[in-house]
All heavy atoms as atom14 arrays in JSON, in Angstrom:
{
  "sequence": "VDELEITTDFDGAYIRIQPKVVDAGHHSRRLMRLTGLDVEENQARRL",
  "atom14_mask": [
    [1, 1, 1, 1, 1, 1, 1, 0, 0, 0, 0, 0, 0, 0],
    [1, 1, 1, 1, 1, 1, 1, 1, 0, 0, 0, 0, 0, 0],
    [1, 1, 1, 1, 1, 1, 1, 1, 1, 0, 0, 0, 0, 0],
    [1, 1, 1, 1, 1, 1, 1, 1, 0, 0, 0, 0, 0, 0],
    [1, 1, 1, 1, 1, 1, 1, 1, 1, 0, 0, 0, 0, 0],
    [1, 1, 1, 1, 1, 1, 1, 1, 0, 0, 0, 0, 0, 0],
    [1, 1, 1, 1, 1, 1, 1, 0, 0, 0, 0, 0, 0, 0],
    [1, 1, 1, 1, 1, 1, 1, 0, 0, 0, 0, 0, 0, 0],
    [1, 1, 1, 1, 1, 1, 1, 1, 0, 0, 0, 0, 0, 0],
    [1, 1, 1, 1, 1, 1, 1, 1, 1, 1, 1, 0, 0, 0],
    [1, 1, 1, 1, 1, 1, 1, 1, 0, 0, 0, 0, 0, 0],
    [1, 1, 1, 1, 0, 0, 0, 0, 0, 0, 0, 0, 0, 0],
    [1, 1, 1, 1, 1, 0, 0, 0, 0, 0, 0, 0, 0, 0],
    [1, 1, 1, 1, 1, 1, 1, 1, 1, 1, 1, 1, 0, 0],
    [1, 1, 1, 1, 1, 1, 1, 1, 0, 0, 0, 0, 0, 0],
    [1, 1, 1, 1, 1, 1, 1, 1, 1, 1, 1, 0, 0, 0],
    [1, 1, 1, 1, 1, 1, 1, 1, 0, 0, 0, 0, 0, 0],
    [1, 1, 1, 1, 1, 1, 1, 1, 1, 0, 0, 0, 0, 0],
    [1, 1, 1, 1, 1, 1, 1, 0, 0, 0, 0, 0, 0, 0],
    [1, 1, 1, 1, 1, 1, 1, 1, 1, 0, 0, 0, 0, 0],
    [1, 1, 1, 1, 1, 1, 1, 0, 0, 0, 0, 0, 0, 0],
    [1, 1, 1, 1, 1, 1, 1, 0, 0, 0, 0, 0, 0, 0],
    [1, 1, 1, 1, 1, 1, 1, 1, 0, 0, 0, 0, 0, 0],
    [1, 1, 1, 1, 1, 0, 0, 0, 0, 0, 0, 0, 0, 0],
    [1, 1, 1, 1, 0, 0, 0, 0, 0, 0, 0, 0, 0, 0],
    [1, 1, 1, 1, 1, 1, 1, 1, 1, 1, 0, 0, 0, 0],
    [1, 1, 1, 1, 1, 1, 1, 1, 1, 1, 0, 0, 0, 0],
    [1, 1, 1, 1, 1, 1, 0, 0, 0, 0, 0, 0, 0, 0],
    [1, 1, 1, 1, 1, 1, 1, 1, 1, 1, 1, 0, 0, 0],
    [1, 1, 1, 1, 1, 1, 1, 1, 1, 1, 1, 0, 0, 0],
    [1, 1, 1, 1, 1, 1, 1, 1, 0, 0, 0, 0, 0, 0],
    [1, 1, 1, 1, 1, 1, 1, 1, 0, 0, 0, 0, 0, 0],
    [1, 1, 1, 1, 1, 1, 1, 1, 1, 1, 1, 0, 0, 0],
    [1, 1, 1, 1, 1, 1, 1, 1, 0, 0, 0, 0, 0, 0],
    [1, 1, 1, 1, 1, 1, 1, 0, 0, 0, 0, 0, 0, 0],
    [1, 1, 1, 1, 0, 0, 0, 0, 0, 0, 0, 0, 0, 0],
    [1, 1, 1, 1, 1, 1, 1, 1, 0, 0, 0, 0, 0, 0],
    [1, 1, 1, 1, 1, 1, 1, 1, 0, 0, 0, 0, 0, 0],
    [1, 1, 1, 1, 1, 1, 1, 0, 0, 0, 0, 0, 0, 0],
    [1, 1, 1, 1, 1, 1, 1, 1, 1, 0, 0, 0, 0, 0],
    [1, 1, 1, 1, 1, 1, 1, 1, 1, 0, 0, 0, 0, 0],
    [1, 1, 1, 1, 1, 1, 1, 1, 0, 0, 0, 0, 0, 0],
    [1, 1, 1, 1, 1, 1, 1, 1, 1, 0, 0, 0, 0, 0],
    [1, 1, 1, 1, 1, 0, 0, 0, 0, 0, 0, 0, 0, 0],
    [1, 1, 1, 1, 1, 1, 1, 1, 1, 1, 1, 0, 0, 0],
    [1, 1, 1, 1, 1, 1, 1, 1, 1, 1, 1, 0, 0, 0],
    [1, 1, 1, 1, 1, 1, 1, 1, 0, 0, 0, 0, 0, 0]
  ],
  "atom14_positions": [
    [[-6.93, 30.72, -98.23], [-6.32, 31.39, -99.4], [-4.88, 31.73, -99.09], [-4.6, 32.49, -98.13], [-7.11, 32.64, -99.79], [-6.42, 33.4, -100.91], [-8.51, 32.27, -100.2], [0.0, 0.0, 0.0], [0.0, 0.0, 0.0], [0.0, 0.0, 0.0], [0.0, 0.0, 0.0], [0.0, 0.0, 0.0], [0.0, 0.0, 0.0], [0.0, 0.0, 0.0]],
    [[-3.95, 31.19, -99.86], [-2.54, 31.48, -99.69], [-2.14, 32.57, -100.65], [-1.3, 33.41, -100.32], [-1.73, 30.19, -99.96], [-0.25, 30.4, -99.69], [0.08, 31.11, -98.73], [0.56, 29.88, -100.49], [0.0, 0.0, 0.0], [0.0, 0.0, 0.0], [0.0, 0.0, 0.0], [0.0, 0.0, 0.0], [0.0, 0.0, 0.0], [0.0, 0.0, 0.0]],
    [[-2.65, 32.6, -101.84], [-2.29, 33.57, -102.82], [-3.55, 33.95, -103.63], [-4.28, 33.07, -104.09], [-1.24, 33.02, -103.77], [-0.82, 33.96, -104.86], [0.21, 33.29, -105.83], [1.07, 32.56, -105.32], [0.07, 33.48, -107.02], [0.0, 0.0, 0.0], [0.0, 0.0, 0.0], [0.0, 0.0, 0.0], [0.0, 0.0, 0.0], [0.0, 0.0, 0.0]],
    [[-3.78, 35.22, -103.75], [-4.97, 35.69, -104.49], [-4.47, 36.69, -105.55], [-3.81, 37.67, -105.24], [-5.95, 36.36, -103.58], [-7.13, 37.09, -104.18], [-8.02, 36.09, -104.91], [-7.92, 37.84, -103.15], [0.0, 0.0, 0.0], [0.0, 0.0, 0.0], [0.0, 0.0, 0.0], [0.0, 0.0, 0.0], [0.0, 0.0, 0.0], [0.0, 0.0, 0.0]],
    [[-4.77, 36.43, -106.81], [-4.32, 37.28, -107.88], [-5.54, 37.63, -108.75], [-6.3, 36.75, -109.16], [-3.26, 36.58, -108.72], [-2.8, 37.41, -109.9], [-1.74, 36.63, -110.71], [-1.07, 35.76, -110.14], [-1.68, 36.9, -111.92], [0.0, 0.0, 0.0], [0.0, 0.0, 0.0], [0.0, 0.0, 0.0], [0.0, 0.0, 0.0], [0.0, 0.0, 0.0]],
    [[-5.71, 38.92, -108.99], [-6.79, 39.39, -109.9], [-6.13, 39.96, -111.15], [-5.34, 40.88, -111.07], [-7.67, 40.44, -109.21], [-8.27, 39.87, -107.95], [-8.77, 40.91, -110.14], [-9.15, 40.85, -107.19], [0.0, 0.0, 0.0], [0.0, 0.0, 0.0], [0.0, 0.0, 0.0], [0.0, 0.0, 0.0], [0.0, 0.0, 0.0], [0.0, 0.0, 0.0]],
    [[-6.45, 39.37, -112.29], [-5.87, 39.82, -113.56], [-6.95, 40.52, -114.38], [-8.05, 39.97, -114.52], [-5.3, 38.62, -114.35], [-4.33, 37.95, -113.54], [-4.66, 39.09, -115.62], [0.0, 0.0, 0.0], [0.0, 0.0, 0.0], [0.0, 0.0, 0.0], [0.0, 0.0, 0.0], [0.0, 0.0, 0.0], [0.0, 0.0, 0.0], [0.0, 0.0, 0.0]],
    [[-6.63, 41.68, -114.9], [-7.62, 42.47, -115.64], [-7.19, 42.46, -117.12], [-6.02, 42.62, -117.45], [-7.66, 43.9, -115.13], [-7.93, 43.86, -113.74], [-8.72, 44.7, -115.85], [0.0, 0.0, 0.0], [0.0, 0.0, 0.0], [0.0, 0.0, 0.0], [0.0, 0.0, 0.0], [0.0, 0.0, 0.0], [0.0, 0.0, 0.0], [0.0, 0.0, 0.0]],
    [[-8.15, 42.26, -118.04], [-7.92, 42.39, -119.42], [-9.1, 43.14, -120.04], [-9.99, 43.65, -119.37], [-7.69, 41.04, -120.1], [-8.85, 40.04, -119.88], [-9.98, 40.57, -119.69], [-8.59, 38.85, -119.88], [0.0, 0.0, 0.0], [0.0, 0.0, 0.0], [0.0, 0.0, 0.0], [0.0, 0.0, 0.0], [0.0, 0.0, 0.0], [0.0, 0.0, 0.0]],
    [[-9.11, 43.17, -121.38], [-10.18, 43.99, -122.03], [-11.59, 43.44, -121.87], [-12.57, 44.11, -122.03], [-9.87, 44.17, -123.52], [-9.87, 42.87, -124.29], [-11.04, 42.36, -124.86], [-8.69, 42.16, -124.44], [-10.99, 41.17, -125.56], [-8.67, 40.94, -125.13], [-9.82, 40.47, -125.71], [0.0, 0.0, 0.0], [0.0, 0.0, 0.0], [0.0, 0.0, 0.0]],
    [[-11.68, 42.15, -121.47], [-12.97, 41.51, -121.27], [-13.45, 41.64, -119.8], [-14.55, 41.27, -119.48], [-12.94, 40.01, -121.57], [-12.9, 39.8, -123.09], [-13.42, 40.63, -123.81], [-12.29, 38.79, -123.51], [0.0, 0.0, 0.0], [0.0, 0.0, 0.0], [0.0, 0.0, 0.0], [0.0, 0.0, 0.0], [0.0, 0.0, 0.0], [0.0, 0.0, 0.0]],
    [[-12.63, 42.22, -118.94], [-13.0, 42.29, -117.54], [-11.84, 41.81, -116.67], [-10.7, 42.23, -116.89], [0.0, 0.0, 0.0], [0.0, 0.0, 0.0], [0.0, 0.0, 0.0], [0.0, 0.0, 0.0], [0.0, 0.0, 0.0], [0.0, 0.0, 0.0], [0.0, 0.0, 0.0], [0.0, 0.0, 0.0], [0.0, 0.0, 0.0], [0.0, 0.0, 0.0]],
    [[-12.1, 40.92, -115.73], [-11.1, 40.44, -114.87], [-11.32, 38.98, -114.5], [-12.49, 38.52, -114.59], [-10.98, 41.29, -113.6], [0.0, 0.0, 0.0], [0.0, 0.0, 0.0], [0.0, 0.0, 0.0], [0.0, 0.0, 0.0], [0.0, 0.0, 0.0], [0.0, 0.0, 0.0], [0.0, 0.0, 0.0], [0.0, 0.0, 0.0], [0.0, 0.0, 0.0]],
    [[-10.33, 38.23, -114.12], [-10.51, 36.91, -113.59], [-9.61, 36.72, -112.41], [-8.65, 37.42, -112.2], [-10.28, 35.84, -114.68], [-8.86, 35.78, -115.23], [-7.93, 35.0, -114.6], [-8.52, 36.5, -116.38], [-6.64, 34.93, -115.12], [-7.24, 36.42, -116.87], [-6.29, 35.63, -116.26], [-5.01, 35.58, -116.76], [0.0, 0.0, 0.0], [0.0, 0.0, 0.0]],
    [[-9.98, 35.72, -111.59], [-9.31, 35.45, -110.31], [-8.44, 34.24, -110.39], [-8.85, 33.24, -110.97], [-10.34, 35.24, -109.19], [-11.45, 36.31, -109.22], [-9.65, 35.22, -107.82], [-12.58, 36.0, -108.28], [0.0, 0.0, 0.0], [0.0, 0.0, 0.0], [0.0, 0.0, 0.0], [0.0, 0.0, 0.0], [0.0, 0.0, 0.0], [0.0, 0.0, 0.0]],
    [[-7.26, 34.33, -109.78], [-6.45, 33.15, -109.58], [-6.22, 33.01, -108.09], [-5.75, 33.93, -107.41], [-5.09, 33.29, -110.28], [-4.15, 32.1, -110.04], [-2.81, 32.36, -110.73], [-1.89, 31.27, -110.52], [-1.03, 31.24, -109.49], [-1.05, 32.18, -108.6], [-0.22, 30.19, -109.4], [0.0, 0.0, 0.0], [0.0, 0.0, 0.0], [0.0, 0.0, 0.0]],
    [[-6.59, 31.84, -107.54], [-6.49, 31.63, -106.1], [-5.63, 30.42, -105.8], [-5.72, 29.39, -106.45], [-7.91, 31.4, -105.49], [-8.72, 32.71, -105.57], [-7.82, 30.96, -104.01], [-10.15, 32.58, -105.04], [0.0, 0.0, 0.0], [0.0, 0.0, 0.0], [0.0, 0.0, 0.0], [0.0, 0.0, 0.0], [0.0, 0.0, 0.0], [0.0, 0.0, 0.0]],
    [[-4.73, 30.59, -104.84], [-3.84, 29.5, -104.44], [-4.31, 28.98, -103.05], [-4.31, 29.75, -102.08], [-2.39, 29.99, -104.32], [-1.4, 28.92, -103.95], [-1.23, 27.9, -105.09], [-0.93, 28.31, -106.19], [-1.4, 26.67, -104.75], [0.0, 0.0, 0.0], [0.0, 0.0, 0.0], [0.0, 0.0, 0.0], [0.0, 0.0, 0.0], [0.0, 0.0, 0.0]],
    [[-4.69, 27.72, -102.96], [-5.2, 27.22, -101.65], [-4.06, 26.76, -100.74], [-2.95, 26.5, -101.2], [-6.08, 26.03, -102.04], [-5.37, 25.51, -103.27], [-4.78, 26.71, -103.99], [0.0, 0.0, 0.0], [0.0, 0.0, 0.0], [0.0, 0.0, 0.0], [0.0, 0.0, 0.0], [0.0, 0.0, 0.0], [0.0, 0.0, 0.0], [0.0, 0.0, 0.0]],
    [[-4.35, 26.66, -99.45], [-3.4, 26.07, -98.55], [-4.19, 25.43, -97.38], [-5.38, 25.65, -97.24], [-2.41, 27.06, -98.02], [-3.01, 28.11, -97.04], [-1.89, 29.0, -96.47], [-2.47, 30.08, -95.61], [-1.42, 30.98, -95.06], [0.0, 0.0, 0.0], [0.0, 0.0, 0.0], [0.0, 0.0, 0.0], [0.0, 0.0, 0.0], [0.0, 0.0, 0.0]],
    [[-3.49, 24.67, -96.58], [-4.15, 23.98, -95.45], [-3.39, 24.45, -94.19], [-2.18, 24.43, -94.13], [-4.02, 22.46, -95.58], [-4.74, 21.77, -94.46], [-4.6, 22.0, -96.94], [0.0, 0.0, 0.0], [0.0, 0.0, 0.0], [0.0, 0.0, 0.0], [0.0, 0.0, 0.0], [0.0, 0.0, 0.0], [0.0, 0.0, 0.0], [0.0, 0.0, 0.0]],
    [[-4.19, 24.9, -93.18], [-3.54, 25.46, -91.97], [-4.04, 24.81, -90.73], [-5.15, 24.19, -90.72], [-3.75, 26.99, -91.89], [-3.12, 27.68, -93.07], [-5.22, 27.31, -91.76], [0.0, 0.0, 0.0], [0.0, 0.0, 0.0], [0.0, 0.0, 0.0], [0.0, 0.0, 0.0], [0.0, 0.0, 0.0], [0.0, 0.0, 0.0], [0.0, 0.0, 0.0]],
    [[-3.32, 24.9, -89.66], [-3.71, 24.33, -88.37], [-4.46, 25.34, -87.54], [-4.47, 26.55, -87.86], [-2.4, 23.89, -87.64], [-2.74, 22.91, -86.52], [-3.9, 22.51, -86.39], [-1.79, 22.53, -85.82], [0.0, 0.0, 0.0], [0.0, 0.0, 0.0], [0.0, 0.0, 0.0], [0.0, 0.0, 0.0], [0.0, 0.0, 0.0], [0.0, 0.0, 0.0]],
    [[-5.07, 24.9, -86.47], [-5.84, 25.76, -85.6], [-4.95, 26.88, -85.07], [-3.83, 26.66, -84.69], [-6.45, 24.96, -84.46], [0.0, 0.0, 0.0], [0.0, 0.0, 0.0], [0.0, 0.0, 0.0], [0.0, 0.0, 0.0], [0.0, 0.0, 0.0], [0.0, 0.0, 0.0], [0.0, 0.0, 0.0], [0.0, 0.0, 0.0], [0.0, 0.0, 0.0]],
    [[-5.52, 28.1, -84.99], [-4.82, 29.24, -84.4], [-3.93, 29.96, -85.38], [-3.34, 31.0, -85.07], [0.0, 0.0, 0.0], [0.0, 0.0, 0.0], [0.0, 0.0, 0.0], [0.0, 0.0, 0.0], [0.0, 0.0, 0.0], [0.0, 0.0, 0.0], [0.0, 0.0, 0.0], [0.0, 0.0, 0.0], [0.0, 0.0, 0.0], [0.0, 0.0, 0.0]],
    [[-3.82, 29.48, -86.6], [-2.94, 30.06, -87.6], [-3.34, 31.51, -87.92], [-2.55, 32.41, -87.98], [-2.92, 29.26, -88.89], [-2.27, 29.93, -90.07], [-0.91, 29.95, -90.24], [-2.82, 30.66, -91.07], [-0.63, 30.64, -91.32], [-1.75, 31.08, -91.86], [0.0, 0.0, 0.0], [0.0, 0.0, 0.0], [0.0, 0.0, 0.0], [0.0, 0.0, 0.0]],
    [[-4.64, 31.72, -88.11], [-5.17, 33.05, -88.53], [-4.95, 34.11, -87.47], [-4.51, 35.21, -87.79], [-6.63, 32.95, -88.92], [-6.91, 31.93, -89.98], [-7.26, 30.64, -89.69], [-6.83, 31.99, -91.33], [-7.4, 29.97, -90.81], [-7.15, 30.76, -91.81], [0.0, 0.0, 0.0], [0.0, 0.0, 0.0], [0.0, 0.0, 0.0], [0.0, 0.0, 0.0]],
    [[-5.26, 33.75, -86.23], [-5.1, 34.77, -85.16], [-3.62, 35.12, -84.99], [-3.27, 36.29, -84.75], [-5.74, 34.27, -83.88], [-5.15, 33.02, -83.51], [0.0, 0.0, 0.0], [0.0, 0.0, 0.0], [0.0, 0.0, 0.0], [0.0, 0.0, 0.0], [0.0, 0.0, 0.0], [0.0, 0.0, 0.0], [0.0, 0.0, 0.0], [0.0, 0.0, 0.0]],
    [[-2.73, 34.13, -85.14], [-1.3, 34.41, -85.0], [-0.81, 35.3, -86.17], [-0.06, 36.24, -85.97], [-0.51, 33.1, -85.0], [-0.69, 32.3, -83.71], [0.35, 31.18, -83.64], [0.27, 30.23, -84.76], [-0.49, 29.16, -84.76], [-1.22, 28.88, -83.67], [-0.5, 28.33, -85.78], [0.0, 0.0, 0.0], [0.0, 0.0, 0.0], [0.0, 0.0, 0.0]],
    [[-1.29, 35.01, -87.38], [-0.86, 35.83, -88.53], [-1.37, 37.25, -88.41], [-0.65, 38.2, -88.68], [-1.35, 35.16, -89.84], [-0.92, 35.96, -91.05], [-1.53, 35.42, -92.34], [-1.27, 36.32, -93.45], [-2.07, 36.47, -94.47], [-3.19, 35.8, -94.56], [-1.8, 37.34, -95.42], [0.0, 0.0, 0.0], [0.0, 0.0, 0.0], [0.0, 0.0, 0.0]],
    [[-2.63, 37.42, -88.02], [-3.22, 38.76, -87.91], [-2.49, 39.54, -86.82], [-2.21, 40.75, -86.99], [-4.7, 38.66, -87.63], [-5.45, 40.03, -87.68], [-5.49, 40.52, -89.11], [-6.85, 39.88, -87.11], [0.0, 0.0, 0.0], [0.0, 0.0, 0.0], [0.0, 0.0, 0.0], [0.0, 0.0, 0.0], [0.0, 0.0, 0.0], [0.0, 0.0, 0.0]],
    [[-2.19, 38.9, -85.7], [-1.46, 39.58, -84.62], [-0.1, 40.01, -85.11], [0.33, 41.18, -84.85], [-1.32, 38.61, -83.45], [-0.35, 39.11, -82.36], [-0.93, 40.54, -81.47], [-1.92, 39.73, -80.19], [0.0, 0.0, 0.0], [0.0, 0.0, 0.0], [0.0, 0.0, 0.0], [0.0, 0.0, 0.0], [0.0, 0.0, 0.0], [0.0, 0.0, 0.0]],
    [[0.59, 39.16, -85.86], [1.94, 39.53, -86.37], [1.88, 40.71, -87.33], [2.71, 41.6, -87.28], [2.54, 38.32, -87.08], [3.87, 38.61, -87.73], [4.48, 37.33, -88.34], [3.61, 36.75, -89.35], [3.58, 37.15, -90.6], [4.31, 38.16, -91.02], [2.76, 36.57, -91.46], [0.0, 0.0, 0.0], [0.0, 0.0, 0.0], [0.0, 0.0, 0.0]],
    [[0.84, 40.77, -88.15], [0.75, 41.8, -89.21], [0.17, 43.12, -88.68], [0.6, 44.19, -89.17], [-0.07, 41.32, -90.36], [0.52, 40.18, -91.22], [-0.5, 39.69, -92.23], [1.8, 40.67, -91.92], [0.0, 0.0, 0.0], [0.0, 0.0, 0.0], [0.0, 0.0, 0.0], [0.0, 0.0, 0.0], [0.0, 0.0, 0.0], [0.0, 0.0, 0.0]],
    [[-0.79, 43.04, -87.78], [-1.55, 44.24, -87.44], [-1.55, 44.57, -85.93], [-1.93, 45.68, -85.54], [-3.02, 44.12, -87.87], [-3.64, 43.06, -87.13], [-3.1, 43.78, -89.35], [0.0, 0.0, 0.0], [0.0, 0.0, 0.0], [0.0, 0.0, 0.0], [0.0, 0.0, 0.0], [0.0, 0.0, 0.0], [0.0, 0.0, 0.0], [0.0, 0.0, 0.0]],
    [[-1.2, 43.6, -85.07], [-1.28, 43.8, -83.67], [-2.66, 43.53, -83.11], [-2.88, 43.64, -81.89], [0.0, 0.0, 0.0], [0.0, 0.0, 0.0], [0.0, 0.0, 0.0], [0.0, 0.0, 0.0], [0.0, 0.0, 0.0], [0.0, 0.0, 0.0], [0.0, 0.0, 0.0], [0.0, 0.0, 0.0], [0.0, 0.0, 0.0], [0.0, 0.0, 0.0]],
    [[-3.65, 43.19, -83.98], [-5.01, 42.91, -83.51], [-5.06, 41.55, -82.88], [-4.65, 40.57, -83.49], [-6.0, 43.01, -84.68], [-6.13, 44.4, -85.35], [-7.04, 44.29, -86.6], [-6.73, 45.38, -84.38], [0.0, 0.0, 0.0], [0.0, 0.0, 0.0], [0.0, 0.0, 0.0], [0.0, 0.0, 0.0], [0.0, 0.0, 0.0], [0.0, 0.0, 0.0]],
    [[-5.58, 41.47, -81.7], [-5.69, 40.22, -80.96], [-7.16, 39.79, -80.94], [-7.95, 40.3, -80.13], [-5.15, 40.39, -79.54], [-5.13, 39.11, -78.79], [-5.37, 38.03, -79.36], [-4.81, 39.15, -77.56], [0.0, 0.0, 0.0], [0.0, 0.0, 0.0], [0.0, 0.0, 0.0], [0.0, 0.0, 0.0], [0.0, 0.0, 0.0], [0.0, 0.0, 0.0]],
    [[-7.55, 38.89, -81.85], [-8.93, 38.54, -82.04], [-9.08, 37.01, -82.06], [-8.09, 36.29, -82.11], [-9.54, 39.16, -83.32], [-9.37, 40.66, -83.32], [-8.88, 38.56, -84.57], [0.0, 0.0, 0.0], [0.0, 0.0, 0.0], [0.0, 0.0, 0.0], [0.0, 0.0, 0.0], [0.0, 0.0, 0.0], [0.0, 0.0, 0.0], [0.0, 0.0, 0.0]],
    [[-10.32, 36.55, -82.08], [-10.58, 35.14, -82.14], [-10.29, 34.56, -83.56], [-10.17, 35.34, -84.53], [-12.04, 34.86, -81.78], [-12.41, 35.24, -80.36], [-11.63, 34.47, -79.33], [-11.25, 33.29, -79.59], [-11.36, 35.01, -78.24], [0.0, 0.0, 0.0], [0.0, 0.0, 0.0], [0.0, 0.0, 0.0], [0.0, 0.0, 0.0], [0.0, 0.0, 0.0]],
    [[-10.18, 33.27, -83.64], [-9.73, 32.61, -84.88], [-10.67, 32.9, -86.06], [-10.22, 33.25, -87.15], [-9.62, 31.09, -84.63], [-9.08, 30.3, -85.84], [-7.62, 30.6, -86.19], [-6.98, 31.4, -85.45], [-7.17, 30.02, -87.18], [0.0, 0.0, 0.0], [0.0, 0.0, 0.0], [0.0, 0.0, 0.0], [0.0, 0.0, 0.0], [0.0, 0.0, 0.0]],
    [[-12.0, 32.73, -85.86], [-12.91, 32.98, -86.98], [-12.91, 34.45, -87.4], [-13.03, 34.78, -88.59], [-14.33, 32.54, -86.59], [-14.5, 31.04, -86.57], [-13.77, 30.33, -87.25], [-15.45, 30.56, -85.78], [0.0, 0.0, 0.0], [0.0, 0.0, 0.0], [0.0, 0.0, 0.0], [0.0, 0.0, 0.0], [0.0, 0.0, 0.0], [0.0, 0.0, 0.0]],
    [[-12.8, 35.33, -86.42], [-12.72, 36.76, -86.74], [-11.44, 37.02, -87.54], [-11.47, 37.77, -88.53], [-12.69, 37.6, -85.47], [-14.0, 37.54, -84.67], [-13.88, 38.17, -83.28], [-12.74, 38.32, -82.77], [-14.96, 38.56, -82.71], [0.0, 0.0, 0.0], [0.0, 0.0, 0.0], [0.0, 0.0, 0.0], [0.0, 0.0, 0.0], [0.0, 0.0, 0.0]],
    [[-10.33, 36.43, -87.08], [-9.07, 36.65, -87.76], [-9.1, 36.17, -89.21], [-8.6, 36.81, -90.13], [-7.93, 35.94, -87.01], [0.0, 0.0, 0.0], [0.0, 0.0, 0.0], [0.0, 0.0, 0.0], [0.0, 0.0, 0.0], [0.0, 0.0, 0.0], [0.0, 0.0, 0.0], [0.0, 0.0, 0.0], [0.0, 0.0, 0.0], [0.0, 0.0, 0.0]],
    [[-9.72, 35.03, -89.41], [-9.83, 34.49, -90.81], [-10.58, 35.46, -91.67], [-10.18, 35.76, -92.81], [-10.59, 33.15, -90.78], [-10.85, 32.62, -92.17], [-11.84, 31.46, -92.16], [-11.24, 30.28, -91.62], [-11.45, 29.03, -92.1], [-12.21, 28.86, -93.13], [-10.9, 28.01, -91.53], [0.0, 0.0, 0.0], [0.0, 0.0, 0.0], [0.0, 0.0, 0.0]],
    [[-11.66, 36.03, -91.14], [-12.48, 36.95, -91.94], [-11.71, 38.24, -92.25], [-11.74, 38.77, -93.35], [-13.75, 37.29, -91.15], [-14.77, 38.08, -91.97], [-15.27, 37.26, -93.16], [-16.06, 38.08, -94.06], [-15.6, 38.85, -94.99], [-14.29, 38.89, -95.2], [-16.42, 39.53, -95.8], [0.0, 0.0, 0.0], [0.0, 0.0, 0.0], [0.0, 0.0, 0.0]],
    [[-11.0, 38.77, -91.25], [-10.24, 39.98, -91.47], [-9.08, 39.77, -92.44], [-8.79, 40.62, -93.26], [-9.74, 40.51, -90.1], [-10.64, 41.49, -89.36], [-11.97, 40.9, -89.07], [-9.97, 41.92, -88.05], [0.0, 0.0, 0.0], [0.0, 0.0, 0.0], [0.0, 0.0, 0.0], [0.0, 0.0, 0.0], [0.0, 0.0, 0.0], [0.0, 0.0, 0.0]]
  ]
}
């Protein structure tokens, strides 16, 4: 997920999701940069 947008109206809400393609290790590097958490790749993706 590159971009996630939730729009609310009188009927409820709907989701807009922007996909992307990433290489191995991307998630752990991004999480480390944002939070300082040093975790494994699958854990980083989930967080």
